[in-house]
Amino acid sequence: MRHGETGFLTAIGDSRALASAMAALLDDPVLAARMGRAARADVEARFSMEAAGTPVIEALDSVL
């Protein structure tokens, strides 16, 4: 999570900050969509089969 880019981070227990972040997304659908696209792209890049599988395959290759 990158604050302001892929979402909003708030302190645990800070309900006012959470409500404010949620209101910002509800009030600005363009911002919400942009953050949603950025978050999806980040997850797809970090957890794709290539990104997640390559280190595992390399580790297995080194011990087999």
PDB file of N, CA and C in Angstrom:
ATOM      1  N   MET A   1       0.850  -1.172   0.000  1.00  0.00           N
ATOM      2  CA  MET A   1       0.000   0.000   0.000  1.00  0.00           C
ATOM      3  C   MET A   1       0.894   1.232   0.000  1.00  0.00           C
ATOM      4  N   ARG A   2       0.636   2.080  -0.936  1.00  0.00           N
ATOM      5  CA  ARG A   2       1.344   3.359  -0.998  1.00  0.00           C
ATOM      6  C   ARG A   2       0.312   4.459  -0.736  1.00  0.00           C
ATOM      7  N   HIS A   3       0.444   5.096   0.415  1.00  0.00           N
ATOM      8  CA  HIS A   3      -0.517   6.102   0.850  1.00  0.00           C
ATOM      9  C   HIS A   3      -0.689   7.176  -0.217  1.00  0.00           C
ATOM     10  N   GLY A   4      -1.937   7.396  -0.570  1.00  0.00           N
ATOM     11  CA  GLY A   4      -2.256   8.429  -1.544  1.00  0.00           C
ATOM     12  C   GLY A   4      -2.131   7.981  -2.984  1.00  0.00           C
ATOM     13  N   GLU A   5      -1.558   6.795  -3.198  1.00  0.00           N
ATOM     14  CA  GLU A   5      -1.404   6.298  -4.566  1.00  0.00           C
ATOM     15  C   GLU A   5      -2.265   5.056  -4.806  1.00  0.00           C
ATOM     16  N   THR A   6      -2.150   4.075  -3.919  1.00  0.00           N
ATOM     17  CA  THR A   6      -2.942   2.846  -4.071  1.00  0.00           C
ATOM     18  C   THR A   6      -4.002   2.729  -2.980  1.00  0.00           C
ATOM     19  N   GLY A   7      -4.096   3.721  -2.148  1.00  0.00           N
ATOM     20  CA  GLY A   7      -5.085   3.728  -1.069  1.00  0.00           C
ATOM     21  C   GLY A   7      -4.685   4.730  -0.011  1.00  0.00           C
ATOM     22  N   PHE A   8      -5.395   4.675   1.099  1.00  0.00           N
ATOM     23  CA  PHE A   8      -5.088   5.558   2.225  1.00  0.00           C
ATOM     24  C   PHE A   8      -4.755   4.701   3.438  1.00  0.00           C
ATOM     25  N   LEU A   9      -3.686   5.055   4.121  1.00  0.00           N
ATOM     26  CA  LEU A   9      -3.332   4.393   5.370  1.00  0.00           C
ATOM     27  C   LEU A   9      -3.791   5.270   6.523  1.00  0.00           C
ATOM     28  N   THR A  10      -4.385   4.657   7.517  1.00  0.00           N
ATOM     29  CA  THR A  10      -4.782   5.382   8.719  1.00  0.00           C
ATOM     30  C   THR A  10      -4.284   4.603   9.931  1.00  0.00           C
ATOM     31  N   ALA A  11      -4.106   5.301  11.014  1.00  0.00           N
ATOM     32  CA  ALA A  11      -3.632   4.662  12.239  1.00  0.00           C
ATOM     33  C   ALA A  11      -4.711   3.735  12.787  1.00  0.00           C
ATOM     34  N   ILE A  12      -4.266   2.639  13.365  1.00  0.00           N
ATOM     35  CA  ILE A  12      -5.200   1.704  13.995  1.00  0.00           C
ATOM     36  C   ILE A  12      -5.970   2.436  15.084  1.00  0.00           C
ATOM     37  N   GLY A  13      -7.274   2.288  15.045  1.00  0.00           N
ATOM     38  CA  GLY A  13      -8.120   2.896  16.057  1.00  0.00           C
ATOM     39  C   GLY A  13      -8.512   4.337  15.783  1.00  0.00           C
ATOM     40  N   ASP A  14      -7.977   4.929  14.738  1.00  0.00           N
ATOM     41  CA  ASP A  14      -8.300   6.320  14.411  1.00  0.00           C
ATOM     42  C   ASP A  14      -9.512   6.343  13.482  1.00  0.00           C
ATOM     43  N   SER A  15     -10.679   6.246  14.091  1.00  0.00           N
ATOM     44  CA  SER A  15     -11.906   6.159  13.302  1.00  0.00           C
ATOM     45  C   SER A  15     -12.183   7.444  12.530  1.00  0.00           C
ATOM     46  N   ARG A  16     -11.774   8.577  13.050  1.00  0.00           N
ATOM     47  CA  ARG A  16     -11.972   9.832  12.322  1.00  0.00           C
ATOM     48  C   ARG A  16     -11.156   9.856  11.027  1.00  0.00           C
ATOM     49  N   ALA A  17      -9.907   9.413  11.105  1.00  0.00           N
ATOM     50  CA  ALA A  17      -9.062   9.377   9.908  1.00  0.00           C
ATOM     51  C   ALA A  17      -9.614   8.383   8.894  1.00  0.00           C
ATOM     52  N   LEU A  18     -10.085   7.238   9.377  1.00  0.00           N
ATOM     53  CA  LEU A  18     -10.673   6.243   8.485  1.00  0.00           C
ATOM     54  C   LEU A  18     -11.915   6.807   7.803  1.00  0.00           C
ATOM     55  N   ALA A  19     -12.769   7.451   8.574  1.00  0.00           N
ATOM     56  CA  ALA A  19     -13.987   8.048   8.009  1.00  0.00           C
ATOM     57  C   ALA A  19     -13.635   9.122   6.985  1.00  0.00           C
ATOM     58  N   SER A  20     -12.605   9.897   7.266  1.00  0.00           N
ATOM     59  CA  SER A  20     -12.179  10.946   6.349  1.00  0.00           C
ATOM     60  C   SER A  20     -11.657  10.352   5.038  1.00  0.00           C
ATOM     61  N   ALA A  21     -10.873   9.290   5.139  1.00  0.00           N
ATOM     62  CA  ALA A  21     -10.343   8.627   3.936  1.00  0.00           C
ATOM     63  C   ALA A  21     -11.484   8.034   3.115  1.00  0.00           C
ATOM     64  N   MET A  22     -12.427   7.405   3.784  1.00  0.00           N
ATOM     65  CA  MET A  22     -13.565   6.816   3.079  1.00  0.00           C
ATOM     66  C   MET A  22     -14.405   7.904   2.413  1.00  0.00           C
ATOM     67  N   ALA A  23     -14.618   9.004   3.119  1.00  0.00           N
ATOM     68  CA  ALA A  23     -15.395  10.111   2.548  1.00  0.00           C
ATOM     69  C   ALA A  23     -14.696  10.697   1.326  1.00  0.00           C
ATOM     70  N   ALA A  24     -13.368  10.785   1.378  1.00  0.00           N
ATOM     71  CA  ALA A  24     -12.619  11.321   0.237  1.00  0.00           C
ATOM     72  C   ALA A  24     -12.848  10.458  -1.001  1.00  0.00           C
ATOM     73  N   LEU A  25     -12.873   9.143  -0.828  1.00  0.00           N
ATOM     74  CA  LEU A  25     -13.106   8.242  -1.953  1.00  0.00           C
ATOM     75  C   LEU A  25     -14.548   8.303  -2.439  1.00  0.00           C
ATOM     76  N   LEU A  26     -15.475   8.402  -1.507  1.00  0.00           N
ATOM     77  CA  LEU A  26     -16.888   8.505  -1.899  1.00  0.00           C
ATOM     78  C   LEU A  26     -17.184   9.815  -2.612  1.00  0.00           C
ATOM     79  N   ASP A  27     -16.508  10.881  -2.181  1.00  0.00           N
ATOM     80  CA  ASP A  27     -16.732  12.203  -2.773  1.00  0.00           C
ATOM     81  C   ASP A  27     -16.036  12.384  -4.117  1.00  0.00           C
ATOM     82  N   ASP A  28     -15.054  11.537  -4.397  1.00  0.00           N
ATOM     83  CA  ASP A  28     -14.271  11.709  -5.626  1.00  0.00           C
ATOM     84  C   ASP A  28     -14.126  10.369  -6.341  1.00  0.00           C
ATOM     85  N   PRO A  29     -15.125  10.001  -7.145  1.00  0.00           N
ATOM     86  CA  PRO A  29     -15.071   8.714  -7.836  1.00  0.00           C
ATOM     87  C   PRO A  29     -13.887   8.589  -8.796  1.00  0.00           C
ATOM     88  N   VAL A  30     -13.403   9.698  -9.320  1.00  0.00           N
ATOM     89  CA  VAL A  30     -12.232   9.650 -10.202  1.00  0.00           C
ATOM     90  C   VAL A  30     -11.004   9.229  -9.396  1.00  0.00           C
ATOM     91  N   LEU A  31     -10.843   9.798  -8.216  1.00  0.00           N
ATOM     92  CA  LEU A  31      -9.746   9.417  -7.321  1.00  0.00           C
ATOM     93  C   LEU A  31      -9.865   7.946  -6.929  1.00  0.00           C
ATOM     94  N   ALA A  32     -11.062   7.521  -6.574  1.00  0.00           N
ATOM     95  CA  ALA A  32     -11.278   6.126  -6.185  1.00  0.00           C
ATOM     96  C   ALA A  32     -10.917   5.182  -7.326  1.00  0.00           C
ATOM     97  N   ALA A  33     -11.317   5.517  -8.538  1.00  0.00           N
ATOM     98  CA  ALA A  33     -11.008   4.670  -9.690  1.00  0.00           C
ATOM     99  C   ALA A  33      -9.514   4.651  -9.968  1.00  0.00           C
ATOM    100  N   ARG A  34      -8.870   5.812  -9.874  1.00  0.00           N
ATOM    101  CA  ARG A  34      -7.424   5.882 -10.119  1.00  0.00           C
ATOM    102  C   ARG A  34      -6.666   5.045  -9.095  1.00  0.00           C
ATOM    103  N   MET A  35      -7.038   5.160  -7.829  1.00  0.00           N
ATOM    104  CA  MET A  35      -6.378   4.371  -6.792  1.00  0.00           C
ATOM    105  C   MET A  35      -6.650   2.884  -6.987  1.00  0.00           C
ATOM    106  N   GLY A  36      -7.857   2.557  -7.382  1.00  0.00           N
ATOM    107  CA  GLY A  36      -8.189   1.158  -7.629  1.00  0.00           C
ATOM    108  C   GLY A  36      -7.361   0.568  -8.752  1.00  0.00           C
ATOM    109  N   ARG A  37      -7.205   1.325  -9.826  1.00  0.00           N
ATOM    110  CA  ARG A  37      -6.371   0.846 -10.948  1.00  0.00           C
ATOM    111  C   ARG A  37      -4.917   0.700 -10.531  1.00  0.00           C
ATOM    112  N   ALA A  38      -4.414   1.670  -9.781  1.00  0.00           N
ATOM    113  CA  ALA A  38      -3.021   1.614  -9.325  1.00  0.00           C
ATOM    114  C   ALA A  38      -2.805   0.436  -8.382  1.00  0.00           C
ATOM    115  N   ALA A  39      -3.755   0.192  -7.498  1.00  0.00           N
ATOM    116  CA  ALA A  39      -3.638  -0.934  -6.559  1.00  0.00           C
ATOM    117  C   ALA A  39      -3.671  -2.258  -7.309  1.00  0.00           C
ATOM    118  N   ARG A  40      -4.551  -2.373  -8.284  1.00  0.00           N
ATOM    119  CA  ARG A  40      -4.624  -3.617  -9.052  1.00  0.00           C
ATOM    120  C   ARG A  40      -3.327  -3.863  -9.815  1.00  0.00           C
ATOM    121  N   ALA A  41      -2.802  -2.829 -10.451  1.00  0.00           N
ATOM    122  CA  ALA A  41      -1.551  -2.971 -11.199  1.00  0.00           C
ATOM    123  C   ALA A  41      -0.413  -3.387 -10.270  1.00  0.00           C
ATOM    124  N   ASP A  42      -0.382  -2.830  -9.081  1.00  0.00           N
ATOM    125  CA  ASP A  42       0.655  -3.174  -8.107  1.00  0.00           C
ATOM    126  C   ASP A  42       0.557  -4.648  -7.706  1.00  0.00           C
ATOM    127  N   VAL A  43      -0.636  -5.106  -7.400  1.00  0.00           N
ATOM    128  CA  VAL A  43      -0.838  -6.504  -7.003  1.00  0.00           C
ATOM    129  C   VAL A  43      -0.513  -7.443  -8.161  1.00  0.00           C
ATOM    130  N   GLU A  44      -0.955  -7.097  -9.354  1.00  0.00           N
ATOM    131  CA  GLU A  44      -0.667  -7.955 -10.504  1.00  0.00           C
ATOM    132  C   GLU A  44       0.838  -8.049 -10.764  1.00  0.00           C
ATOM    133  N   ALA A  45       1.553  -6.952 -10.574  1.00  0.00           N
ATOM    134  CA  ALA A  45       2.998  -6.960 -10.810  1.00  0.00           C
ATOM    135  C   ALA A  45       3.738  -7.746  -9.729  1.00  0.00           C
ATOM    136  N   ARG A  46       3.326  -7.595  -8.484  1.00  0.00           N
ATOM    137  CA  ARG A  46       4.055  -8.237  -7.383  1.00  0.00           C
ATOM    138  C   ARG A  46       3.671  -9.687  -7.176  1.00  0.00           C
ATOM    139  N   PHE A  47       2.473 -10.074  -7.572  1.00  0.00           N
ATOM    140  CA  PHE A  47       1.997 -11.421  -7.278  1.00  0.00           C
ATOM    141  C   PHE A  47       1.628 -12.221  -8.522  1.00  0.00           C
ATOM    142  N   SER A  48       2.154 -11.826  -9.664  1.00  0.00           N
ATOM    143  CA  SER A  48       1.904 -12.586 -10.890  1.00  0.00           C
ATOM    144  C   SER A  48       2.605 -13.934 -10.779  1.00  0.00           C
ATOM    145  N   MET A  49       2.271 -14.829 -11.682  1.00  0.00           N
ATOM    146  CA  MET A  49       2.936 -16.137 -11.686  1.00  0.00           C
ATOM    147  C   MET A  49       4.443 -15.964 -11.865  1.00  0.00           C
ATOM    148  N   GLU A  50       4.830 -15.039 -12.714  1.00  0.00           N
ATOM    149  CA  GLU A  50       6.253 -14.820 -12.943  1.00  0.00           C
ATOM    150  C   GLU A  50       6.932 -14.263 -11.696  1.00  0.00           C
ATOM    151  N   ALA A  51       6.328 -13.236 -11.094  1.00  0.00           N
ATOM    152  CA  ALA A  51       6.942 -12.602  -9.930  1.00  0.00           C
ATOM    153  C   ALA A  51       6.977 -13.531  -8.722  1.00  0.00           C
ATOM    154  N   ALA A  52       5.917 -14.278  -8.515  1.00  0.00           N
ATOM    155  CA  ALA A  52       5.858 -15.171  -7.348  1.00  0.00           C
ATOM    156  C   ALA A  52       6.514 -16.511  -7.631  1.00  0.00           C
ATOM    157  N   GLY A  53       6.395 -16.996  -8.854  1.00  0.00           N
ATOM    158  CA  GLY A  53       6.880 -18.329  -9.173  1.00  0.00           C
ATOM    159  C   GLY A  53       8.368 -18.412  -9.432  1.00  0.00           C
ATOM    160  N   THR A  54       8.948 -17.386 -10.027  1.00  0.00           N
ATOM    161  CA  THR A  54      10.366 -17.424 -10.369  1.00  0.00           C
ATOM    162  C   THR A  54      11.265 -17.669  -9.162  1.00  0.00           C
ATOM    163  N   PRO A  55      11.103 -16.949  -8.047  1.00  0.00           N
ATOM    164  CA  PRO A  55      11.962 -17.227  -6.892  1.00  0.00           C
ATOM    165  C   PRO A  55      11.806 -18.661  -6.363  1.00  0.00           C
ATOM    166  N   VAL A  56      10.603 -19.194  -6.420  1.00  0.00           N
ATOM    167  CA  VAL A  56      10.377 -20.561  -5.956  1.00  0.00           C
ATOM    168  C   VAL A  56      11.092 -21.551  -6.874  1.00  0.00           C
ATOM    169  N   ILE A  57      10.944 -21.358  -8.160  1.00  0.00           N
ATOM    170  CA  ILE A  57      11.602 -22.242  -9.130  1.00  0.00           C
ATOM    171  C   ILE A  57      13.118 -22.150  -8.977  1.00  0.00           C
ATOM    172  N   GLU A  58      13.639 -20.956  -8.821  1.00  0.00           N
ATOM    173  CA  GLU A  58      15.082 -20.778  -8.639  1.00  0.00           C
ATOM    174  C   GLU A  58      15.555 -21.480  -7.368  1.00  0.00           C
ATOM    175  N   ALA A  59      14.802 -21.369  -6.293  1.00  0.00           N
ATOM    176  CA  ALA A  59      15.167 -22.030  -5.040  1.00  0.00           C
ATOM    177  C   ALA A  59      15.156 -23.528  -5.204  1.00  0.00           C
ATOM    178  N   LEU A  60      14.146 -24.051  -5.870  1.00  0.00           N
ATOM    179  CA  LEU A  60      14.080 -25.501  -6.093  1.00  0.00           C
ATOM    180  C   LEU A  60      15.217 -25.973  -6.994  1.00  0.00           C
ATOM    181  N   ASP A  61      15.514 -25.201  -8.025  1.00  0.00           N
ATOM    182  CA  ASP A  61      16.603 -25.563  -8.918  1.00  0.00           C
ATOM    183  C   ASP A  61      17.941 -25.628  -8.169  1.00  0.00           C
ATOM    184  N   SER A  62      18.105 -24.753  -7.189  1.00  0.00           N
ATOM    185  CA  SER A  62      19.381 -24.726  -6.475  1.00  0.00           C
ATOM    186  C   SER A  62      19.575 -25.897  -5.531  1.00  0.00           C
ATOM    187  N   VAL A  63      18.478 -26.557  -5.132  1.00  0.00           N
ATOM    188  CA  VAL A  63      18.613 -27.683  -4.205  1.00  0.00           C
ATOM    189  C   VAL A  63      18.378 -29.036  -4.881  1.00  0.00           C
ATOM    190  N   LEU A  64      17.915 -29.033  -6.084  1.00  0.00           N
ATOM    191  CA  LEU A  64      17.666 -30.309  -6.772  1.00  0.00           C
ATOM    192  C   LEU A  64      18.782 -30.690  -7.693  1.00  0.00           C
TER     193      LEU A  64
END
